Every structure is written in C-alpha cells, then in structure tokens.
Amino acid sequence: MADDLRTRESVRREALWAMSHLMPGDLKAATILDVLDDIGDWERIDSNWSHPGLDIEAARKAIQIERYSSEISIVREAVFNSMA
C-alpha cells in the first residue's frame, strides 16, 4: 500500500507540474487530466475497499504529540499498525 500511495503521489505531482506549464485551453491538458482522474478513481476505490474505518478515538491514540515548555505542540507522523 505504501508503495502504491508513493507512486500515485509521484505521478500526481508530475502531472500537476506538467499542467502548470500549459496555457488555459491547451489541448495537451486533456491527457494530463485523464491521468489525474485515474488517480482519483484509484484513491476512491482504495479508500472504500482496502482500509477499515478509523474512528476518532483510534486516530487520537495514534497521533503522537510532543509538547514543549514554550507551550508549542508538534504533531509527529503517525503509523497505523492496523492499516499496514
């Protein structure tokens, strides 16, 4: 799953970067939009079938927050073992 997500994000960024160089109405945008639509479709399928629902309490327990004496809280990246 992580590799799929990484690949999708890489392809998405490449497509958006390519799109940023086009002028509005450029016909080349259609191909890029197809790629972005495909990624969106895969993400909808993936989120509907591959992952169990995560309730708010499970999310709160999974998020690591580091508190500093200056009252600044930093949220660390969480790893969901149940989703691996």
PDB file of N, CA and C in Angstrom:
ATOM      1  N   MET A   1       0.818  -1.200   0.000  1.00  0.00           N
ATOM      2  CA  MET A   1       0.000   0.000   0.000  1.00  0.00           C
ATOM      3  C   MET A   1       0.856   1.256   0.000  1.00  0.00           C
ATOM      4  N   ALA A   2       1.890   1.289   0.826  1.00  0.00           N
ATOM      5  CA  ALA A   2       2.729   2.487   0.902  1.00  0.00           C
ATOM      6  C   ALA A   2       3.368   2.777  -0.446  1.00  0.00           C
ATOM      7  N   ASP A   3       3.806   1.725  -1.140  1.00  0.00           N
ATOM      8  CA  ASP A   3       4.409   1.932  -2.456  1.00  0.00           C
ATOM      9  C   ASP A   3       3.380   2.461  -3.446  1.00  0.00           C
ATOM     10  N   ASP A   4       2.149   1.937  -3.384  1.00  0.00           N
ATOM     11  CA  ASP A   4       1.097   2.429  -4.267  1.00  0.00           C
ATOM     12  C   ASP A   4       0.823   3.902  -4.006  1.00  0.00           C
ATOM     13  N   LEU A   5       0.732   4.269  -2.756  1.00  0.00           N
ATOM     14  CA  LEU A   5       0.482   5.656  -2.391  1.00  0.00           C
ATOM     15  C   LEU A   5       1.631   6.546  -2.855  1.00  0.00           C
ATOM     16  N   ARG A   6       2.847   6.086  -2.632  1.00  0.00           N
ATOM     17  CA  ARG A   6       4.025   6.855  -3.047  1.00  0.00           C
ATOM     18  C   ARG A   6       4.040   7.028  -4.569  1.00  0.00           C
ATOM     19  N   THR A   7       3.734   5.967  -5.285  1.00  0.00           N
ATOM     20  CA  THR A   7       3.708   6.028  -6.744  1.00  0.00           C
ATOM     21  C   THR A   7       2.622   6.971  -7.232  1.00  0.00           C
ATOM     22  N   ARG A   8       1.421   6.839  -6.658  1.00  0.00           N
ATOM     23  CA  ARG A   8       0.322   7.730  -7.052  1.00  0.00           C
ATOM     24  C   ARG A   8       0.679   9.184  -6.808  1.00  0.00           C
ATOM     25  N   GLU A   9       1.264   9.463  -5.649  1.00  0.00           N
ATOM     26  CA  GLU A   9       1.610  10.847  -5.322  1.00  0.00           C
ATOM     27  C   GLU A   9       2.684  11.373  -6.269  1.00  0.00           C
ATOM     28  N   SER A  10       3.637  10.538  -6.620  1.00  0.00           N
ATOM     29  CA  SER A  10       4.682  10.940  -7.559  1.00  0.00           C
ATOM     30  C   SER A  10       4.085  11.263  -8.929  1.00  0.00           C
ATOM     31  N   VAL A  11       3.203  10.396  -9.405  1.00  0.00           N
ATOM     32  CA  VAL A  11       2.560  10.616 -10.702  1.00  0.00           C
ATOM     33  C   VAL A  11       1.685  11.865 -10.652  1.00  0.00           C
ATOM     34  N   ARG A  12       0.965  12.050  -9.539  1.00  0.00           N
ATOM     35  CA  ARG A  12       0.117  13.232  -9.393  1.00  0.00           C
ATOM     36  C   ARG A  12       0.951  14.517  -9.464  1.00  0.00           C
ATOM     37  N   ARG A  13       2.064  14.536  -8.751  1.00  0.00           N
ATOM     38  CA  ARG A  13       2.920  15.729  -8.748  1.00  0.00           C
ATOM     39  C   ARG A  13       3.500  16.008 -10.128  1.00  0.00           C
ATOM     40  N   GLU A  14       3.915  14.954 -10.822  1.00  0.00           N
ATOM     41  CA  GLU A  14       4.433  15.134 -12.180  1.00  0.00           C
ATOM     42  C   GLU A  14       3.348  15.710 -13.092  1.00  0.00           C
ATOM     43  N   ALA A  15       2.127  15.197 -12.956  1.00  0.00           N
ATOM     44  CA  ALA A  15       1.025  15.685 -13.788  1.00  0.00           C
ATOM     45  C   ALA A  15       0.710  17.146 -13.477  1.00  0.00           C
ATOM     46  N   LEU A  16       0.659  17.479 -12.204  1.00  0.00           N
ATOM     47  CA  LEU A  16       0.379  18.867 -11.827  1.00  0.00           C
ATOM     48  C   LEU A  16       1.492  19.798 -12.296  1.00  0.00           C
ATOM     49  N   TRP A  17       2.723  19.334 -12.213  1.00  0.00           N
ATOM     50  CA  TRP A  17       3.851  20.147 -12.673  1.00  0.00           C
ATOM     51  C   TRP A  17       3.745  20.366 -14.187  1.00  0.00           C
ATOM     52  N   ALA A  18       3.421  19.307 -14.919  1.00  0.00           N
ATOM     53  CA  ALA A  18       3.261  19.437 -16.372  1.00  0.00           C
ATOM     54  C   ALA A  18       2.106  20.385 -16.695  1.00  0.00           C
ATOM     55  N   MET A  19       1.036  20.294 -15.932  1.00  0.00           N
ATOM     56  CA  MET A  19      -0.132  21.152 -16.151  1.00  0.00           C
ATOM     57  C   MET A  19       0.199  22.622 -15.889  1.00  0.00           C
ATOM     58  N   SER A  20       1.088  22.865 -14.949  1.00  0.00           N
ATOM     59  CA  SER A  20       1.408  24.251 -14.594  1.00  0.00           C
ATOM     60  C   SER A  20       2.112  24.997 -15.724  1.00  0.00           C
ATOM     61  N   HIS A  21       2.673  24.259 -16.671  1.00  0.00           N
ATOM     62  CA  HIS A  21       3.384  24.883 -17.783  1.00  0.00           C
ATOM     63  C   HIS A  21       2.484  25.124 -18.997  1.00  0.00           C
ATOM     64  N   LEU A  22       1.222  24.729 -18.909  1.00  0.00           N
ATOM     65  CA  LEU A  22       0.310  24.885 -20.037  1.00  0.00           C
ATOM     66  C   LEU A  22      -0.511  26.162 -19.908  1.00  0.00           C
ATOM     67  N   MET A  23      -0.921  26.664 -21.032  1.00  0.00           N
ATOM     68  CA  MET A  23      -1.816  27.818 -21.066  1.00  0.00           C
ATOM     69  C   MET A  23      -3.257  27.309 -20.986  1.00  0.00           C
ATOM     70  N   PRO A  24      -4.174  28.090 -20.426  1.00  0.00           N
ATOM     71  CA  PRO A  24      -5.584  27.671 -20.392  1.00  0.00           C
ATOM     72  C   PRO A  24      -6.088  27.342 -21.803  1.00  0.00           C
ATOM     73  N   GLY A  25      -6.783  26.230 -21.911  1.00  0.00           N
ATOM     74  CA  GLY A  25      -7.320  25.803 -23.194  1.00  0.00           C
ATOM     75  C   GLY A  25      -6.388  24.934 -24.015  1.00  0.00           C
ATOM     76  N   ASP A  26      -5.175  24.688 -23.526  1.00  0.00           N
ATOM     77  CA  ASP A  26      -4.214  23.849 -24.248  1.00  0.00           C
ATOM     78  C   ASP A  26      -4.762  22.424 -24.334  1.00  0.00           C
ATOM     79  N   LEU A  27      -4.755  21.863 -25.528  1.00  0.00           N
ATOM     80  CA  LEU A  27      -5.298  20.520 -25.736  1.00  0.00           C
ATOM     81  C   LEU A  27      -4.480  19.437 -25.029  1.00  0.00           C
ATOM     82  N   LYS A  28      -3.235  19.710 -24.715  1.00  0.00           N
ATOM     83  CA  LYS A  28      -2.396  18.736 -24.003  1.00  0.00           C
ATOM     84  C   LYS A  28      -2.919  18.482 -22.593  1.00  0.00           C
ATOM     85  N   ALA A  29      -3.711  19.398 -22.074  1.00  0.00           N
ATOM     86  CA  ALA A  29      -4.226  19.259 -20.712  1.00  0.00           C
ATOM     87  C   ALA A  29      -5.169  18.066 -20.582  1.00  0.00           C
ATOM     88  N   ALA A  30      -5.842  17.687 -21.663  1.00  0.00           N
ATOM     89  CA  ALA A  30      -6.800  16.582 -21.602  1.00  0.00           C
ATOM     90  C   ALA A  30      -6.127  15.289 -21.151  1.00  0.00           C
ATOM     91  N   THR A  31      -4.961  15.006 -21.685  1.00  0.00           N
ATOM     92  CA  THR A  31      -4.228  13.796 -21.301  1.00  0.00           C
ATOM     93  C   THR A  31      -3.824  13.847 -19.837  1.00  0.00           C
ATOM     94  N   ILE A  32      -3.373  14.997 -19.401  1.00  0.00           N
ATOM     95  CA  ILE A  32      -2.948  15.155 -18.005  1.00  0.00           C
ATOM     96  C   ILE A  32      -4.146  15.023 -17.075  1.00  0.00           C
ATOM     97  N   LEU A  33      -5.278  15.604 -17.467  1.00  0.00           N
ATOM     98  CA  LEU A  33      -6.489  15.491 -16.653  1.00  0.00           C
ATOM     99  C   LEU A  33      -6.966  14.045 -16.569  1.00  0.00           C
ATOM    100  N   ASP A  34      -6.788  13.281 -17.649  1.00  0.00           N
ATOM    101  CA  ASP A  34      -7.130  11.855 -17.606  1.00  0.00           C
ATOM    102  C   ASP A  34      -6.293  11.128 -16.562  1.00  0.00           C
ATOM    103  N   VAL A  35      -5.013  11.446 -16.501  1.00  0.00           N
ATOM    104  CA  VAL A  35      -4.123  10.833 -15.503  1.00  0.00           C
ATOM    105  C   VAL A  35      -4.598  11.189 -14.098  1.00  0.00           C
ATOM    106  N   LEU A  36      -4.911  12.459 -13.875  1.00  0.00           N
ATOM    107  CA  LEU A  36      -5.371  12.891 -12.550  1.00  0.00           C
ATOM    108  C   LEU A  36      -6.710  12.251 -12.191  1.00  0.00           C
ATOM    109  N   ASP A  37      -7.601  12.113 -13.175  1.00  0.00           N
ATOM    110  CA  ASP A  37      -8.879  11.439 -12.935  1.00  0.00           C
ATOM    111  C   ASP A  37      -8.667   9.977 -12.558  1.00  0.00           C
ATOM    112  N   ASP A  38      -7.745   9.305 -13.259  1.00  0.00           N
ATOM    113  CA  ASP A  38      -7.449   7.903 -12.945  1.00  0.00           C
ATOM    114  C   ASP A  38      -6.928   7.761 -11.519  1.00  0.00           C
ATOM    115  N   ILE A  39      -6.059   8.662 -11.118  1.00  0.00           N
ATOM    116  CA  ILE A  39      -5.530   8.623  -9.752  1.00  0.00           C
ATOM    117  C   ILE A  39      -6.664   8.813  -8.751  1.00  0.00           C
ATOM    118  N   GLY A  40      -7.542   9.764  -9.017  1.00  0.00           N
ATOM    119  CA  GLY A  40      -8.689   9.988  -8.141  1.00  0.00           C
ATOM    120  C   GLY A  40      -9.580   8.765  -8.045  1.00  0.00           C
ATOM    121  N   ASP A  41      -9.815   8.105  -9.182  1.00  0.00           N
ATOM    122  CA  ASP A  41     -10.627   6.884  -9.181  1.00  0.00           C
ATOM    123  C   ASP A  41      -9.985   5.795  -8.332  1.00  0.00           C
ATOM    124  N   TRP A  42      -8.671   5.599  -8.502  1.00  0.00           N
ATOM    125  CA  TRP A  42      -7.968   4.578  -7.723  1.00  0.00           C
ATOM    126  C   TRP A  42      -8.029   4.885  -6.232  1.00  0.00           C
ATOM    127  N   GLU A  43      -7.921   6.161  -5.881  1.00  0.00           N
ATOM    128  CA  GLU A  43      -7.971   6.523  -4.466  1.00  0.00           C
ATOM    129  C   GLU A  43      -9.351   6.274  -3.877  1.00  0.00           C
ATOM    130  N   ARG A  44     -10.401   6.534  -4.659  1.00  0.00           N
ATOM    131  CA  ARG A  44     -11.754   6.248  -4.167  1.00  0.00           C
ATOM    132  C   ARG A  44     -11.945   4.753  -3.968  1.00  0.00           C
ATOM    133  N   ILE A  45     -11.493   3.964  -4.919  1.00  0.00           N
ATOM    134  CA  ILE A  45     -11.604   2.507  -4.801  1.00  0.00           C
ATOM    135  C   ILE A  45     -10.794   2.017  -3.607  1.00  0.00           C
ATOM    136  N   ASP A  46      -9.567   2.505  -3.502  1.00  0.00           N
ATOM    137  CA  ASP A  46      -8.668   2.090  -2.428  1.00  0.00           C
ATOM    138  C   ASP A  46      -9.243   2.431  -1.060  1.00  0.00           C
ATOM    139  N   SER A  47      -9.771   3.622  -0.913  1.00  0.00           N
ATOM    140  CA  SER A  47     -10.280   4.026   0.400  1.00  0.00           C
ATOM    141  C   SER A  47     -11.573   3.309   0.744  1.00  0.00           C
ATOM    142  N   ASN A  48     -12.339   2.896  -0.259  1.00  0.00           N
ATOM    143  CA  ASN A  48     -13.599   2.205   0.007  1.00  0.00           C
ATOM    144  C   ASN A  48     -13.417   0.732   0.350  1.00  0.00           C
ATOM    145  N   TRP A  49     -12.381   0.087  -0.176  1.00  0.00           N
ATOM    146  CA  TRP A  49     -12.262  -1.358  -0.035  1.00  0.00           C
ATOM    147  C   TRP A  49     -11.066  -1.831   0.776  1.00  0.00           C
ATOM    148  N   SER A  50     -10.008  -1.075   0.803  1.00  0.00           N
ATOM    149  CA  SER A  50      -8.775  -1.584   1.387  1.00  0.00           C
ATOM    150  C   SER A  50      -8.589  -1.275   2.858  1.00  0.00           C
ATOM    151  N   HIS A  51      -9.204  -0.230   3.339  1.00  0.00           N
ATOM    152  CA  HIS A  51      -8.900   0.223   4.686  1.00  0.00           C
ATOM    153  C   HIS A  51     -10.126   0.164   5.586  1.00  0.00           C
ATOM    154  N   PRO A  52      -9.950  -0.401   6.752  1.00  0.00           N
ATOM    155  CA  PRO A  52     -11.068  -0.366   7.698  1.00  0.00           C
ATOM    156  C   PRO A  52     -11.281   1.064   8.170  1.00  0.00           C
ATOM    157  N   GLY A  53     -12.483   1.355   8.599  1.00  0.00           N
ATOM    158  CA  GLY A  53     -12.765   2.684   9.109  1.00  0.00           C
ATOM    159  C   GLY A  53     -11.948   2.973  10.362  1.00  0.00           C
ATOM    160  N   LEU A  54     -11.577   4.198  10.548  1.00  0.00           N
ATOM    161  CA  LEU A  54     -10.797   4.608  11.706  1.00  0.00           C
ATOM    162  C   LEU A  54     -11.633   5.612  12.474  1.00  0.00           C
ATOM    163  N   ASP A  55     -12.010   5.250  13.691  1.00  0.00           N
ATOM    164  CA  ASP A  55     -12.819   6.191  14.461  1.00  0.00           C
ATOM    165  C   ASP A  55     -11.932   7.254  15.102  1.00  0.00           C
ATOM    166  N   ILE A  56     -12.541   8.284  15.626  1.00  0.00           N
ATOM    167  CA  ILE A  56     -11.797   9.430  16.138  1.00  0.00           C
ATOM    168  C   ILE A  56     -10.904   9.053  17.320  1.00  0.00           C
ATOM    169  N   GLU A  57     -11.359   8.156  18.166  1.00  0.00           N
ATOM    170  CA  GLU A  57     -10.542   7.757  19.320  1.00  0.00           C
ATOM    171  C   GLU A  57      -9.288   7.008  18.875  1.00  0.00           C
ATOM    172  N   ALA A  58      -9.420   6.142  17.886  1.00  0.00           N
ATOM    173  CA  ALA A  58      -8.247   5.425  17.371  1.00  0.00           C
ATOM    174  C   ALA A  58      -7.264   6.398  16.731  1.00  0.00           C
ATOM    175  N   ALA A  59      -7.791   7.397  16.040  1.00  0.00           N
ATOM    176  CA  ALA A  59      -6.912   8.405  15.437  1.00  0.00           C
ATOM    177  C   ALA A  59      -6.182   9.202  16.510  1.00  0.00           C
ATOM    178  N   ARG A  60      -6.890   9.590  17.554  1.00  0.00           N
ATOM    179  CA  ARG A  60      -6.255  10.350  18.644  1.00  0.00           C
ATOM    180  C   ARG A  60      -5.153   9.543  19.317  1.00  0.00           C
ATOM    181  N   LYS A  61      -5.390   8.250  19.508  1.00  0.00           N
ATOM    182  CA  LYS A  61      -4.380   7.403  20.147  1.00  0.00           C
ATOM    183  C   LYS A  61      -3.159   7.222  19.244  1.00  0.00           C
ATOM    184  N   ALA A  62      -3.371   7.250  17.941  1.00  0.00           N
ATOM    185  CA  ALA A  62      -2.279   7.006  17.001  1.00  0.00           C
ATOM    186  C   ALA A  62      -1.407   8.234  16.766  1.00  0.00           C
ATOM    187  N   ILE A  63      -1.929   9.406  17.046  1.00  0.00           N
ATOM    188  CA  ILE A  63      -1.185  10.640  16.785  1.00  0.00           C
ATOM    189  C   ILE A  63      -0.261  10.942  17.953  1.00  0.00           C
ATOM    190  N   GLN A  64       0.999  11.116  17.636  1.00  0.00           N
ATOM    191  CA  GLN A  64       1.992  11.442  18.659  1.00  0.00           C
ATOM    192  C   GLN A  64       2.177  12.948  18.706  1.00  0.00           C
ATOM    193  N   ILE A  65       1.973  13.510  19.880  1.00  0.00           N
ATOM    194  CA  ILE A  65       2.145  14.952  20.056  1.00  0.00           C
ATOM    195  C   ILE A  65       3.254  15.182  21.060  1.00  0.00           C
ATOM    196  N   GLU A  66       4.195  15.994  20.666  1.00  0.00           N
ATOM    197  CA  GLU A  66       5.316  16.340  21.542  1.00  0.00           C
ATOM    198  C   GLU A  66       5.094  17.767  22.038  1.00  0.00           C
ATOM    199  N   ARG A  67       4.970  17.922  23.343  1.00  0.00           N
ATOM    200  CA  ARG A  67       4.710  19.233  23.916  1.00  0.00           C
ATOM    201  C   ARG A  67       6.015  19.823  24.459  1.00  0.00           C
ATOM    202  N   TYR A  68       6.199  21.085  24.213  1.00  0.00           N
ATOM    203  CA  TYR A  68       7.392  21.786  24.675  1.00  0.00           C
ATOM    204  C   TYR A  68       7.025  22.768  25.782  1.00  0.00           C
ATOM    205  N   SER A  69       8.025  23.162  26.567  1.00  0.00           N
ATOM    206  CA  SER A  69       7.783  24.086  27.675  1.00  0.00           C
ATOM    207  C   SER A  69       7.277  25.444  27.188  1.00  0.00           C
ATOM    208  N   SER A  70       7.517  25.763  25.937  1.00  0.00           N
ATOM    209  CA  SER A  70       7.033  27.029  25.378  1.00  0.00           C
ATOM    210  C   SER A  70       5.560  26.938  24.968  1.00  0.00           C
ATOM    211  N   GLU A  71       4.913  25.835  25.331  1.00  0.00           N
ATOM    212  CA  GLU A  71       3.501  25.565  25.046  1.00  0.00           C
ATOM    213  C   GLU A  71       3.224  25.323  23.564  1.00  0.00           C
ATOM    214  N   ILE A  72       4.272  25.024  22.814  1.00  0.00           N
ATOM    215  CA  ILE A  72       4.099  24.665  21.413  1.00  0.00           C
ATOM    216  C   ILE A  72       3.970  23.147  21.342  1.00  0.00           C
ATOM    217  N   SER A  73       2.964  22.680  20.621  1.00  0.00           N
ATOM    218  CA  SER A  73       2.772  21.246  20.421  1.00  0.00           C
ATOM    219  C   SER A  73       3.118  20.898  18.983  1.00  0.00           C
ATOM    220  N   ILE A  74       3.912  19.862  18.818  1.00  0.00           N
ATOM    221  CA  ILE A  74       4.293  19.406  17.490  1.00  0.00           C
ATOM    222  C   ILE A  74       3.684  18.029  17.281  1.00  0.00           C
ATOM    223  N   VAL A  75       2.953  17.876  16.193  1.00  0.00           N
ATOM    224  CA  VAL A  75       2.339  16.595  15.869  1.00  0.00           C
ATOM    225  C   VAL A  75       3.328  15.805  15.028  1.00  0.00           C
ATOM    226  N   ARG A  76       3.646  14.611  15.483  1.00  0.00           N
ATOM    227  CA  ARG A  76       4.569  13.729  14.766  1.00  0.00           C
ATOM    228  C   ARG A  76       3.786  12.850  13.811  1.00  0.00           C
ATOM    229  N   GLU A  77       4.466  12.330  12.797  1.00  0.00           N
ATOM    230  CA  GLU A  77       3.809  11.422  11.865  1.00  0.00           C
ATOM    231  C   GLU A  77       3.381  10.172  12.602  1.00  0.00           C
ATOM    232  N   ALA A  78       2.190   9.712  12.291  1.00  0.00           N
ATOM    233  CA  ALA A  78       1.653   8.522  12.943  1.00  0.00           C
ATOM    234  C   ALA A  78       1.789   7.322  12.014  1.00  0.00           C
ATOM    235  N   VAL A  79       1.953   6.164  12.608  1.00  0.00           N
ATOM    236  CA  VAL A  79       1.980   4.920  11.860  1.00  0.00           C
ATOM    237  C   VAL A  79       0.830   4.078  12.377  1.00  0.00           C
ATOM    238  N   PHE A  80      -0.099   3.752  11.494  1.00  0.00           N
ATOM    239  CA  PHE A  80      -1.253   2.956  11.876  1.00  0.00           C
ATOM    240  C   PHE A  80      -0.929   1.491  11.627  1.00  0.00           C
ATOM    241  N   ASN A  81      -0.682   0.748  12.687  1.00  0.00           N
ATOM    242  CA  ASN A  81      -0.339  -0.665  12.545  1.00  0.00           C
ATOM    243  C   ASN A  81      -1.479  -1.467  11.952  1.00  0.00           C
ATOM    244  N   SER A  82      -2.710  -1.085  12.278  1.00  0.00           N
ATOM    245  CA  SER A  82      -3.845  -1.850  11.782  1.00  0.00           C
ATOM    246  C   SER A  82      -4.057  -1.663  10.288  1.00  0.00           C
ATOM    247  N   MET A  83      -3.435  -0.641   9.705  1.00  0.00           N
ATOM    248  CA  MET A  83      -3.629  -0.368   8.291  1.00  0.00           C
ATOM    249  C   MET A  83      -2.449  -0.839   7.453  1.00  0.00           C
ATOM    250  N   ALA A  84      -1.415  -1.352   8.071  1.00  0.00           N
ATOM    251  CA  ALA A  84      -0.214  -1.745   7.323  1.00  0.00           C
ATOM    252  C   ALA A  84      -0.444  -3.004   6.530  1.00  0.00           C
TER     253      ALA A  84
END
